[in-house]
Amino acid sequence: MAGDDLTPSEGAILMVLMVEAREVLNTELKERYGLDVRKEQRDKLGRLHYVSSRRSGRTVAMQLDDKGWVRMQSDFDFNARGAKALGAALTALHANLRERILDRSGAANLTELFAQSEMRAPTGGLGPRIASAYNALADEPGAWVSLRRLRPFFADVARDELDEALRDLSRADGVNIVPESNQKALTPADREAALRLGGQENHLLAIGV
């Protein structure tokens, strides 16, 4: 992704968090992989909305954020001075995950491939796939999930196609797509992800209500 200016080390951090696909403590990253994510790296990746982090006792808990999952679909420059072989290995792994392993897995993208819960849906259009992604994001049936969080799971689908599928799904029993009641709480990303429906911008999806 042009413009984010990631170093090879920062790209590798995203790769590790993608594979973990969960919130993980920095102390655990040190113990398992010898990886210590420094504050300046966390801050940069946080500003880009690639990684979310929070204090947890004396350490920090991190996980790949929604935009981080989208970023993983694009190329990285893993080549670092004095570590050409390591950079080549990471580049080959990442490229083949996207170009070869992904096709064989039946997953639509790397998010589905590495998600802790099952996100793949049976055939039958985008509706079942949206419902499957919703189930992976929602704390419980009927919980509200922002479209900002949902859309990154469909980076392989044209915006118009996904919007139409969401409109079709909104007509089904037990499905609600509504505006955020607290408009002041909306971020630019929330507004960008909104769905035009019923003459207004809608930001939240619930299934199973």
Protein backbone atom coordinates (compact mmCIF):
# COMPACT_ATOMS: atom_id res chain seq x y z
CA MET A 1 0.00 0.00 0.00
CA ALA A 2 1.69 3.18 -1.21
CA GLY A 3 2.32 5.85 1.35
CA ASP A 4 2.44 3.86 4.58
CA ASP A 5 6.26 3.58 4.46
CA LEU A 6 6.43 0.39 6.52
CA THR A 7 9.84 -0.94 7.45
CA PRO A 8 10.58 -4.66 7.00
CA SER A 9 10.29 -5.09 10.78
CA GLU A 10 6.88 -3.42 10.88
CA GLY A 11 5.66 -5.61 8.04
CA ALA A 12 6.89 -8.66 9.93
CA ILE A 13 4.96 -7.53 13.03
CA LEU A 14 1.77 -7.44 10.96
CA MET A 15 2.57 -10.90 9.61
CA VAL A 16 2.91 -12.32 13.14
CA LEU A 17 -0.31 -10.67 14.33
CA MET A 18 -2.12 -12.00 11.27
CA VAL A 19 -1.03 -15.55 12.04
CA GLU A 20 -2.03 -15.17 15.71
CA ALA A 21 -5.43 -13.70 14.68
CA ARG A 22 -6.23 -12.70 18.27
CA GLU A 23 -5.25 -10.21 20.94
CA VAL A 24 -1.79 -11.20 22.11
CA LEU A 25 0.46 -9.81 24.84
CA ASN A 26 3.83 -8.33 23.93
CA THR A 27 5.37 -10.55 26.62
CA GLU A 28 3.92 -13.60 24.85
CA LEU A 29 5.36 -12.42 21.53
CA LYS A 30 8.76 -12.16 23.21
CA GLU A 31 8.47 -15.64 24.71
CA ARG A 32 7.13 -17.41 21.61
CA TYR A 33 8.91 -15.56 18.79
CA GLY A 34 11.59 -13.38 20.36
CA LEU A 35 9.64 -10.37 19.06
CA ASP A 36 9.53 -7.18 21.11
CA VAL A 37 7.18 -4.60 19.60
CA ARG A 38 8.53 -1.23 20.68
CA LYS A 39 6.36 1.77 21.55
CA GLU A 40 7.34 3.74 18.43
CA GLN A 41 6.33 0.79 16.26
CA ARG A 42 3.01 0.38 18.09
CA ASP A 43 2.32 4.10 17.78
CA LYS A 44 3.03 4.15 14.05
CA LEU A 45 0.97 1.03 13.32
CA GLY A 46 -1.80 2.43 15.51
CA ARG A 47 -1.86 5.76 13.62
CA LEU A 48 -2.27 3.78 10.41
CA HIS A 49 -5.08 1.76 12.04
CA TYR A 50 -3.20 -1.46 11.24
CA VAL A 51 -2.83 -2.52 14.88
CA SER A 52 -4.92 -1.79 17.96
CA SER A 53 -3.24 -1.95 21.36
CA ARG A 54 -4.07 -1.42 25.02
CA ARG A 55 -2.27 -1.59 28.33
CA SER A 56 -2.59 -4.93 30.11
CA GLY A 57 -0.85 -4.85 33.49
CA ARG A 58 2.82 -4.15 32.89
CA THR A 59 2.72 -5.06 29.22
CA VAL A 60 0.66 -4.25 26.12
CA ALA A 61 -1.96 -6.36 24.34
CA MET A 62 -2.11 -6.02 20.54
CA GLN A 63 -4.08 -7.37 17.64
CA LEU A 64 -4.37 -6.75 13.93
CA ASP A 65 -6.97 -4.04 13.34
CA ASP A 66 -9.51 -4.04 10.51
CA LYS A 67 -7.33 -1.97 8.18
CA GLY A 68 -4.40 -4.22 9.08
CA TRP A 69 -6.29 -7.22 7.67
CA VAL A 70 -6.89 -5.28 4.47
CA ARG A 71 -3.20 -4.27 4.33
CA MET A 72 -2.18 -7.93 4.43
CA GLN A 73 -3.72 -8.43 0.98
CA SER A 74 -1.01 -6.17 -0.55
CA ASP A 75 2.73 -6.55 -1.09
CA PHE A 76 5.38 -5.80 1.54
CA ASP A 77 9.06 -5.01 1.22
CA PHE A 78 10.66 -7.41 3.69
CA ASN A 79 14.20 -6.87 2.46
CA ALA A 80 16.48 -5.53 5.18
CA ARG A 81 20.22 -4.93 5.10
CA GLY A 82 22.04 -8.01 6.32
CA ALA A 83 18.89 -10.14 6.29
CA LYS A 84 18.26 -10.81 2.60
CA ALA A 85 17.51 -14.50 3.11
CA LEU A 86 14.98 -13.74 5.86
CA GLY A 87 13.35 -11.08 3.70
CA ALA A 88 13.17 -13.49 0.77
CA ALA A 89 11.56 -16.15 2.99
CA LEU A 90 8.88 -13.77 4.28
CA THR A 91 8.20 -12.42 0.79
CA ALA A 92 7.83 -15.95 -0.61
CA LEU A 93 5.58 -17.01 2.27
CA HIS A 94 3.32 -13.98 1.95
CA ALA A 95 3.07 -14.18 -1.84
CA ASN A 96 2.25 -17.88 -1.85
CA LEU A 97 -0.29 -17.53 0.94
CA ARG A 98 -2.18 -15.06 -1.25
CA GLU A 99 -1.57 -16.63 -4.67
CA ARG A 100 -1.63 -20.36 -4.01
CA ILE A 101 -2.69 -21.42 -0.51
CA LEU A 102 -5.66 -19.05 -0.42
CA ASP A 103 -7.16 -20.53 -3.59
CA ARG A 104 -6.87 -24.07 -2.27
CA SER A 105 -8.31 -23.19 1.15
CA GLY A 106 -11.69 -22.06 -0.11
CA ALA A 107 -11.34 -18.83 1.92
CA ALA A 108 -12.07 -15.57 0.14
CA ASN A 109 -9.15 -13.65 1.70
CA LEU A 110 -6.45 -13.88 4.35
CA THR A 111 -8.88 -12.66 7.00
CA GLU A 112 -11.04 -15.73 6.51
CA LEU A 113 -8.02 -18.00 6.22
CA PHE A 114 -6.55 -17.01 9.60
CA ALA A 115 -9.70 -16.12 11.56
CA GLN A 116 -10.00 -17.96 14.88
CA SER A 117 -13.67 -18.73 14.17
CA GLU A 118 -15.11 -20.15 10.96
CA MET A 119 -15.98 -17.37 8.52
CA ARG A 120 -16.38 -19.29 5.29
CA ALA A 121 -19.95 -19.61 4.12
CA PRO A 122 -21.68 -22.10 1.85
CA THR A 123 -22.25 -21.14 -1.77
CA GLY A 124 -25.29 -19.07 -2.63
CA GLY A 125 -24.19 -15.48 -3.20
CA LEU A 126 -22.84 -12.91 -0.79
CA GLY A 127 -25.70 -13.12 1.72
CA PRO A 128 -24.48 -16.28 3.48
CA ARG A 129 -20.92 -14.95 3.46
CA ILE A 130 -22.04 -11.68 5.08
CA ALA A 131 -23.93 -13.63 7.74
CA SER A 132 -20.86 -15.80 8.37
CA ALA A 133 -18.59 -12.74 8.74
CA TYR A 134 -21.17 -11.12 11.05
CA ASN A 135 -21.22 -14.22 13.27
CA ALA A 136 -17.43 -14.06 13.58
CA LEU A 137 -17.55 -10.38 14.62
CA ALA A 138 -20.65 -10.28 16.85
CA ASP A 139 -20.40 -11.04 20.56
CA GLU A 140 -23.82 -12.72 20.37
CA PRO A 141 -26.73 -13.07 17.92
CA GLY A 142 -28.46 -9.75 17.47
CA ALA A 143 -25.47 -7.68 18.63
CA TRP A 144 -24.69 -4.57 16.63
CA VAL A 145 -21.64 -4.77 14.34
CA SER A 146 -20.42 -1.66 12.54
CA LEU A 147 -20.15 -1.77 8.76
CA ARG A 148 -16.69 -0.28 9.26
CA ARG A 149 -15.62 -3.57 10.83
CA LEU A 150 -17.50 -5.71 8.33
CA ARG A 151 -16.29 -4.21 5.06
CA PRO A 152 -12.60 -5.20 5.37
CA PHE A 153 -13.64 -8.85 5.18
CA PHE A 154 -14.88 -8.16 1.65
CA ALA A 155 -11.84 -6.45 0.17
CA ASP A 156 -12.15 -8.82 -2.82
CA VAL A 157 -15.72 -7.66 -3.59
CA ALA A 158 -16.65 -4.46 -5.46
CA ARG A 159 -18.26 -1.82 -3.24
CA ASP A 160 -21.45 -1.66 -5.34
CA GLU A 161 -21.81 -5.45 -5.27
CA LEU A 162 -21.46 -5.61 -1.49
CA ASP A 163 -23.87 -2.69 -1.02
CA GLU A 164 -26.50 -4.45 -3.11
CA ALA A 165 -26.03 -7.67 -1.15
CA LEU A 166 -26.46 -5.76 2.12
CA ARG A 167 -29.65 -4.14 0.82
CA ASP A 168 -31.00 -7.55 -0.17
CA LEU A 169 -30.06 -8.96 3.25
CA SER A 170 -31.80 -6.07 5.02
CA ARG A 171 -35.15 -7.36 3.72
CA ALA A 172 -34.72 -10.73 5.44
CA ASP A 173 -36.40 -11.57 8.74
CA GLY A 174 -34.26 -10.91 11.79
CA VAL A 175 -31.90 -8.49 9.98
CA ASN A 176 -31.58 -4.80 10.83
CA ILE A 177 -29.31 -2.19 9.23
CA VAL A 178 -29.63 1.17 10.97
CA PRO A 179 -27.88 4.53 11.46
CA GLU A 180 -25.69 5.15 14.48
CA SER A 181 -27.90 6.98 16.97
CA ASN A 182 -24.97 8.99 18.34
CA GLN A 183 -23.78 10.76 15.20
CA LYS A 184 -21.02 12.53 17.14
CA ALA A 185 -19.42 9.16 17.83
CA LEU A 186 -18.95 8.43 14.13
CA THR A 187 -15.41 8.48 12.80
CA PRO A 188 -14.51 9.31 9.17
CA ALA A 189 -14.04 5.56 8.64
CA ASP A 190 -17.57 4.91 9.94
CA ARG A 191 -18.98 7.48 7.52
CA GLU A 192 -17.01 6.06 4.62
CA ALA A 193 -18.31 2.54 5.37
CA ALA A 194 -21.96 3.65 5.65
CA LEU A 195 -24.66 2.11 3.47
CA ARG A 196 -27.22 4.36 1.78
CA LEU A 197 -30.56 2.73 2.54
CA GLY A 198 -34.05 4.13 3.10
CA GLY A 199 -32.91 7.65 2.23
CA GLN A 200 -30.27 7.78 4.99
CA GLU A 201 -26.75 6.65 5.82
CA ASN A 202 -26.66 3.44 7.89
CA HIS A 203 -23.73 2.27 9.97
CA LEU A 204 -24.76 -0.80 12.03
CA LEU A 205 -25.82 -4.37 11.19
CA ALA A 206 -27.59 -6.89 13.44
CA ILE A 207 -28.60 -10.41 12.47
CA GLY A 208 -30.71 -12.68 14.64
CA VAL A 209 -32.82 -10.00 16.30
